[in-house]
Amino acid sequence: MKEGAEYYKHVDEVTSNIDAWRGKRLQVHGNVVDGSIEQAKGTLLYRFKIESRPPRPPAVMAATYTGLVPDTFKSGAEVVAKGSLTADNQLSVVPDGIMAKCPSKYEADKQQKPGVAQKM
């Protein structure tokens, strides 16, 4: 692939051969692990985990991001995160590198209960 290209991969594809992907520009597709989003107090620094879901093989990877996140970025959200792998196998997401899918109206009705606050 030519220089400057980005690879679009699922979480399990990256974690199954992590050394091959280190240093390359990636777009990693998965879902935010429930309860994994942490924000450093008073900053825009986020740590979270992304997982693959069936029918993909199970896999999880950690990610870090600094910046504003989309309103749709929350536990369980389907995401594509752009970045590269660090020496400790985390995805370092680039500025504006998080795209979160809007859940359908019907999925939201099933998953969210009115008046229940999300922990961060």
N, C-alpha and C. Protein backbone atom coordinates (compact mmCIF):
# COMPACT_ATOMS: atom_id res chain seq x y z
N MET A 1 0.85 -1.18 0.00
CA MET A 1 0.00 0.00 0.00
C MET A 1 0.90 1.24 0.00
N LYS A 2 0.47 2.29 -0.65
CA LYS A 2 1.32 3.47 -0.78
C LYS A 2 1.44 4.24 0.54
N GLU A 3 2.49 5.03 0.64
CA GLU A 3 2.75 5.82 1.84
C GLU A 3 1.59 6.77 2.10
N GLY A 4 1.24 6.92 3.38
CA GLY A 4 0.15 7.81 3.75
C GLY A 4 -1.20 7.12 3.78
N ALA A 5 -1.25 5.86 3.40
CA ALA A 5 -2.52 5.14 3.39
C ALA A 5 -2.95 4.79 4.82
N GLU A 6 -4.26 4.67 5.01
CA GLU A 6 -4.81 4.24 6.29
C GLU A 6 -5.44 2.87 6.09
N TYR A 7 -5.27 2.00 7.07
CA TYR A 7 -5.84 0.67 7.02
C TYR A 7 -7.11 0.64 7.86
N TYR A 8 -8.19 0.11 7.31
CA TYR A 8 -9.46 -0.04 8.04
C TYR A 8 -9.51 -1.47 8.55
N LYS A 9 -9.51 -1.63 9.88
CA LYS A 9 -9.47 -2.96 10.49
C LYS A 9 -10.43 -3.05 11.65
N HIS A 10 -10.91 -4.28 11.91
CA HIS A 10 -11.71 -4.55 13.10
C HIS A 10 -10.75 -4.82 14.26
N VAL A 11 -11.22 -4.64 15.49
CA VAL A 11 -10.38 -4.82 16.67
C VAL A 11 -9.67 -6.17 16.65
N ASP A 12 -10.39 -7.25 16.36
CA ASP A 12 -9.79 -8.58 16.38
C ASP A 12 -8.70 -8.74 15.33
N GLU A 13 -8.81 -8.06 14.19
CA GLU A 13 -7.77 -8.13 13.16
C GLU A 13 -6.48 -7.47 13.63
N VAL A 14 -6.61 -6.39 14.38
CA VAL A 14 -5.42 -5.69 14.89
C VAL A 14 -4.78 -6.50 16.02
N THR A 15 -5.58 -6.95 16.98
CA THR A 15 -5.02 -7.64 18.15
C THR A 15 -4.45 -9.01 17.81
N SER A 16 -4.92 -9.65 16.75
CA SER A 16 -4.41 -10.98 16.38
C SER A 16 -3.01 -10.92 15.78
N ASN A 17 -2.58 -9.75 15.30
CA ASN A 17 -1.24 -9.59 14.71
C ASN A 17 -0.74 -8.18 15.00
N ILE A 18 -0.68 -7.85 16.29
CA ILE A 18 -0.45 -6.46 16.71
C ILE A 18 0.88 -5.89 16.22
N ASP A 19 1.93 -6.70 16.16
CA ASP A 19 3.24 -6.20 15.71
C ASP A 19 3.21 -5.72 14.27
N ALA A 20 2.39 -6.36 13.44
CA ALA A 20 2.30 -5.97 12.03
C ALA A 20 1.66 -4.60 11.85
N TRP A 21 0.87 -4.15 12.83
CA TRP A 21 0.12 -2.90 12.68
C TRP A 21 0.75 -1.73 13.42
N ARG A 22 1.74 -1.98 14.27
CA ARG A 22 2.37 -0.89 15.03
C ARG A 22 3.05 0.08 14.07
N GLY A 23 2.80 1.37 14.29
CA GLY A 23 3.42 2.41 13.46
C GLY A 23 2.64 2.73 12.19
N LYS A 24 1.61 1.97 11.89
CA LYS A 24 0.81 2.25 10.69
C LYS A 24 -0.42 3.06 11.09
N ARG A 25 -0.92 3.85 10.14
CA ARG A 25 -2.14 4.62 10.37
C ARG A 25 -3.33 3.69 10.21
N LEU A 26 -4.15 3.64 11.26
CA LEU A 26 -5.27 2.71 11.28
C LEU A 26 -6.60 3.42 11.49
N GLN A 27 -7.64 2.80 11.01
CA GLN A 27 -9.01 3.11 11.40
C GLN A 27 -9.53 1.82 12.01
N VAL A 28 -9.77 1.83 13.32
CA VAL A 28 -10.18 0.61 14.01
C VAL A 28 -11.67 0.67 14.31
N HIS A 29 -12.38 -0.37 13.89
CA HIS A 29 -13.83 -0.45 14.04
C HIS A 29 -14.18 -1.42 15.16
N GLY A 30 -15.05 -0.97 16.08
CA GLY A 30 -15.51 -1.83 17.16
C GLY A 30 -16.58 -1.12 17.97
N ASN A 31 -16.77 -1.60 19.19
CA ASN A 31 -17.75 -0.99 20.10
C ASN A 31 -17.04 -0.60 21.39
N VAL A 32 -17.47 0.53 21.97
CA VAL A 32 -16.90 0.98 23.23
C VAL A 32 -17.33 0.00 24.32
N VAL A 33 -16.36 -0.54 25.06
CA VAL A 33 -16.66 -1.48 26.15
C VAL A 33 -17.47 -0.76 27.22
N ASP A 34 -18.56 -1.38 27.64
CA ASP A 34 -19.43 -0.79 28.67
C ASP A 34 -18.63 -0.44 29.91
N GLY A 35 -18.77 0.80 30.37
CA GLY A 35 -18.11 1.26 31.60
C GLY A 35 -16.64 1.55 31.48
N SER A 36 -16.08 1.52 30.27
CA SER A 36 -14.62 1.69 30.13
C SER A 36 -14.18 3.13 29.91
N ILE A 37 -15.10 4.05 29.63
CA ILE A 37 -14.71 5.44 29.34
C ILE A 37 -14.30 6.15 30.62
N GLU A 38 -13.06 6.67 30.63
CA GLU A 38 -12.56 7.46 31.75
C GLU A 38 -12.08 8.80 31.20
N GLN A 39 -12.40 9.88 31.91
CA GLN A 39 -11.93 11.20 31.53
C GLN A 39 -11.13 11.77 32.67
N ALA A 40 -9.90 12.24 32.37
CA ALA A 40 -9.07 12.86 33.39
C ALA A 40 -9.76 14.15 33.84
N LYS A 41 -9.91 14.31 35.15
CA LYS A 41 -10.64 15.44 35.72
C LYS A 41 -10.09 16.78 35.20
N GLY A 42 -11.00 17.61 34.71
CA GLY A 42 -10.65 18.95 34.25
C GLY A 42 -9.91 18.99 32.92
N THR A 43 -9.87 17.88 32.19
CA THR A 43 -9.16 17.85 30.90
C THR A 43 -10.05 17.23 29.82
N LEU A 44 -9.52 17.19 28.62
CA LEU A 44 -10.20 16.51 27.51
C LEU A 44 -9.49 15.20 27.18
N LEU A 45 -8.76 14.64 28.16
CA LEU A 45 -8.05 13.38 27.96
C LEU A 45 -8.97 12.22 28.33
N TYR A 46 -9.17 11.30 27.37
CA TYR A 46 -10.03 10.14 27.57
C TYR A 46 -9.23 8.86 27.40
N ARG A 47 -9.58 7.87 28.21
CA ARG A 47 -9.10 6.50 28.03
C ARG A 47 -10.35 5.63 27.94
N PHE A 48 -10.31 4.67 27.03
CA PHE A 48 -11.45 3.77 26.87
C PHE A 48 -10.98 2.50 26.19
N LYS A 49 -11.87 1.52 26.13
CA LYS A 49 -11.56 0.25 25.47
C LYS A 49 -12.56 0.03 24.34
N ILE A 50 -12.05 -0.59 23.28
CA ILE A 50 -12.87 -0.93 22.11
C ILE A 50 -12.86 -2.45 21.98
N GLU A 51 -14.03 -3.02 21.69
CA GLU A 51 -14.11 -4.48 21.55
C GLU A 51 -14.77 -4.85 20.23
N SER A 52 -14.48 -6.06 19.79
CA SER A 52 -15.20 -6.61 18.65
C SER A 52 -16.42 -7.35 19.21
N ARG A 53 -17.44 -7.44 18.42
CA ARG A 53 -18.67 -8.13 18.83
C ARG A 53 -19.03 -9.16 17.78
N PRO A 54 -19.80 -10.19 18.16
CA PRO A 54 -20.19 -11.22 17.20
C PRO A 54 -20.84 -10.58 15.97
N PRO A 55 -20.59 -11.12 14.81
CA PRO A 55 -19.98 -12.41 14.52
C PRO A 55 -18.45 -12.39 14.48
N ARG A 56 -17.81 -11.28 14.79
CA ARG A 56 -16.35 -11.20 14.81
C ARG A 56 -15.81 -11.97 16.02
N PRO A 57 -14.57 -12.47 15.95
CA PRO A 57 -13.97 -13.11 17.12
C PRO A 57 -13.80 -12.10 18.26
N PRO A 58 -13.90 -12.55 19.53
CA PRO A 58 -13.76 -11.62 20.66
C PRO A 58 -12.36 -11.04 20.77
N ALA A 59 -12.27 -9.74 21.01
CA ALA A 59 -11.00 -9.05 21.19
C ALA A 59 -11.27 -7.68 21.81
N VAL A 60 -10.30 -7.17 22.58
CA VAL A 60 -10.42 -5.87 23.22
C VAL A 60 -9.09 -5.15 23.10
N MET A 61 -9.14 -3.83 22.88
CA MET A 61 -7.92 -3.03 22.90
C MET A 61 -8.19 -1.70 23.59
N ALA A 62 -7.15 -1.18 24.24
CA ALA A 62 -7.24 0.11 24.93
C ALA A 62 -6.95 1.23 23.95
N ALA A 63 -7.53 2.41 24.23
CA ALA A 63 -7.33 3.58 23.38
C ALA A 63 -7.23 4.83 24.24
N THR A 64 -6.51 5.83 23.74
CA THR A 64 -6.44 7.13 24.39
C THR A 64 -6.78 8.20 23.37
N TYR A 65 -7.37 9.29 23.84
CA TYR A 65 -7.81 10.36 22.95
C TYR A 65 -7.83 11.66 23.73
N THR A 66 -7.37 12.73 23.11
CA THR A 66 -7.46 14.07 23.70
C THR A 66 -8.25 14.94 22.74
N GLY A 67 -9.37 15.49 23.23
CA GLY A 67 -10.19 16.37 22.41
C GLY A 67 -11.66 16.21 22.75
N LEU A 68 -12.47 16.93 21.99
CA LEU A 68 -13.92 16.83 22.16
C LEU A 68 -14.40 15.54 21.53
N VAL A 69 -15.33 14.87 22.20
CA VAL A 69 -15.90 13.63 21.66
C VAL A 69 -17.31 13.89 21.15
N PRO A 70 -17.76 13.11 20.17
CA PRO A 70 -19.12 13.28 19.67
C PRO A 70 -20.14 12.95 20.77
N ASP A 71 -21.33 13.54 20.68
CA ASP A 71 -22.40 13.25 21.65
C ASP A 71 -22.75 11.78 21.67
N THR A 72 -22.56 11.10 20.55
CA THR A 72 -22.91 9.68 20.45
C THR A 72 -21.83 8.75 21.00
N PHE A 73 -20.72 9.31 21.47
CA PHE A 73 -19.63 8.51 22.05
C PHE A 73 -19.99 8.16 23.49
N LYS A 74 -20.36 6.91 23.71
CA LYS A 74 -20.75 6.44 25.04
C LYS A 74 -20.56 4.94 25.12
N SER A 75 -20.73 4.38 26.30
CA SER A 75 -20.59 2.93 26.47
C SER A 75 -21.49 2.19 25.50
N GLY A 76 -20.92 1.18 24.84
CA GLY A 76 -21.66 0.36 23.90
C GLY A 76 -21.76 0.90 22.50
N ALA A 77 -21.35 2.16 22.29
CA ALA A 77 -21.48 2.78 20.96
C ALA A 77 -20.56 2.11 19.95
N GLU A 78 -21.05 1.98 18.74
CA GLU A 78 -20.22 1.50 17.63
C GLU A 78 -19.35 2.67 17.19
N VAL A 79 -18.02 2.43 17.09
CA VAL A 79 -17.10 3.51 16.76
C VAL A 79 -16.08 3.09 15.71
N VAL A 80 -15.55 4.09 15.03
CA VAL A 80 -14.34 3.94 14.23
C VAL A 80 -13.38 4.99 14.78
N ALA A 81 -12.21 4.51 15.24
CA ALA A 81 -11.21 5.40 15.83
C ALA A 81 -9.97 5.40 14.94
N LYS A 82 -9.52 6.60 14.55
CA LYS A 82 -8.34 6.75 13.70
C LYS A 82 -7.13 7.02 14.56
N GLY A 83 -6.04 6.32 14.31
CA GLY A 83 -4.82 6.55 15.07
C GLY A 83 -3.76 5.54 14.73
N SER A 84 -2.82 5.36 15.68
CA SER A 84 -1.76 4.38 15.50
C SER A 84 -1.46 3.72 16.84
N LEU A 85 -0.85 2.54 16.78
CA LEU A 85 -0.55 1.79 17.99
C LEU A 85 0.71 2.33 18.66
N THR A 86 0.66 2.42 19.98
CA THR A 86 1.82 2.85 20.76
C THR A 86 2.67 1.63 21.10
N ALA A 87 3.83 1.87 21.72
CA ALA A 87 4.72 0.78 22.12
C ALA A 87 4.04 -0.18 23.08
N ASP A 88 3.08 0.32 23.89
CA ASP A 88 2.38 -0.55 24.84
C ASP A 88 1.04 -1.06 24.29
N ASN A 89 0.92 -1.09 22.95
CA ASN A 89 -0.22 -1.69 22.25
C ASN A 89 -1.55 -1.00 22.48
N GLN A 90 -1.53 0.29 22.77
CA GLN A 90 -2.77 1.07 22.85
C GLN A 90 -2.94 1.84 21.55
N LEU A 91 -4.18 2.12 21.20
CA LEU A 91 -4.46 2.95 20.04
C LEU A 91 -4.43 4.40 20.48
N SER A 92 -3.51 5.16 19.93
CA SER A 92 -3.44 6.60 20.20
C SER A 92 -4.25 7.29 19.10
N VAL A 93 -5.41 7.80 19.47
CA VAL A 93 -6.35 8.35 18.50
C VAL A 93 -5.95 9.79 18.15
N VAL A 94 -5.98 10.12 16.88
CA VAL A 94 -5.61 11.45 16.39
C VAL A 94 -6.73 12.45 16.70
N PRO A 95 -6.42 13.78 16.71
CA PRO A 95 -7.47 14.79 16.92
C PRO A 95 -8.61 14.60 15.91
N ASP A 96 -9.82 14.73 16.39
CA ASP A 96 -11.04 14.53 15.58
C ASP A 96 -11.09 13.13 14.98
N GLY A 97 -10.47 12.16 15.64
CA GLY A 97 -10.37 10.81 15.10
C GLY A 97 -11.40 9.82 15.61
N ILE A 98 -12.45 10.30 16.28
CA ILE A 98 -13.49 9.39 16.76
C ILE A 98 -14.78 9.65 16.01
N MET A 99 -15.28 8.59 15.39
CA MET A 99 -16.59 8.65 14.74
C MET A 99 -17.47 7.62 15.45
N ALA A 100 -18.57 8.07 16.03
CA ALA A 100 -19.48 7.17 16.73
C ALA A 100 -20.80 7.11 15.99
N LYS A 101 -21.29 5.90 15.80
CA LYS A 101 -22.55 5.69 15.09
C LYS A 101 -23.71 6.06 15.99
N CYS A 102 -24.71 6.69 15.41
CA CYS A 102 -25.93 6.98 16.15
C CYS A 102 -26.74 5.69 16.24
N PRO A 103 -27.11 5.28 17.46
CA PRO A 103 -27.96 4.09 17.55
C PRO A 103 -29.34 4.41 17.00
N SER A 104 -30.01 3.37 16.52
CA SER A 104 -31.35 3.62 16.00
C SER A 104 -32.28 3.95 17.17
N LYS A 105 -33.40 4.58 16.87
CA LYS A 105 -34.38 4.94 17.90
C LYS A 105 -34.80 3.71 18.69
N TYR A 106 -34.96 2.58 18.01
CA TYR A 106 -35.45 1.38 18.66
C TYR A 106 -34.39 0.76 19.57
N GLU A 107 -33.12 0.79 19.15
CA GLU A 107 -32.04 0.29 20.01
C GLU A 107 -31.93 1.14 21.26
N ALA A 108 -32.04 2.45 21.13
CA ALA A 108 -31.93 3.34 22.27
C ALA A 108 -33.04 3.07 23.27
N ASP A 109 -34.25 2.83 22.78
CA ASP A 109 -35.38 2.55 23.67
C ASP A 109 -35.15 1.27 24.47
N LYS A 110 -34.52 0.27 23.88
CA LYS A 110 -34.28 -0.99 24.57
C LYS A 110 -33.13 -0.88 25.58
N GLN A 111 -32.09 -0.08 25.28
CA GLN A 111 -30.87 -0.08 26.08
C GLN A 111 -30.86 0.97 27.17
N GLN A 112 -31.55 2.06 27.02
CA GLN A 112 -31.45 3.16 27.98
C GLN A 112 -32.73 3.28 28.79
N LYS A 113 -32.57 3.50 30.07
CA LYS A 113 -33.71 3.71 30.95
C LYS A 113 -33.76 5.17 31.33
N PRO A 114 -34.92 5.82 31.24
CA PRO A 114 -35.02 7.23 31.58
C PRO A 114 -34.57 7.48 33.02
N GLY A 115 -33.83 8.56 33.23
CA GLY A 115 -33.42 8.97 34.55
C GLY A 115 -32.21 8.25 35.10
N VAL A 116 -31.59 7.36 34.32
CA VAL A 116 -30.40 6.66 34.78
C VAL A 116 -29.17 7.36 34.20
N ALA A 117 -28.32 7.85 35.07
CA ALA A 117 -27.12 8.58 34.63
C ALA A 117 -26.03 7.59 34.29
N GLN A 118 -25.25 7.94 33.28
CA GLN A 118 -24.11 7.11 32.88
C GLN A 118 -22.91 7.46 33.76
N LYS A 119 -22.20 6.45 34.25
CA LYS A 119 -20.98 6.67 35.03
C LYS A 119 -19.83 6.94 34.09
N MET A 120 -18.91 7.79 34.53
CA MET A 120 -17.68 8.01 33.76
C MET A 120 -16.51 7.96 34.67
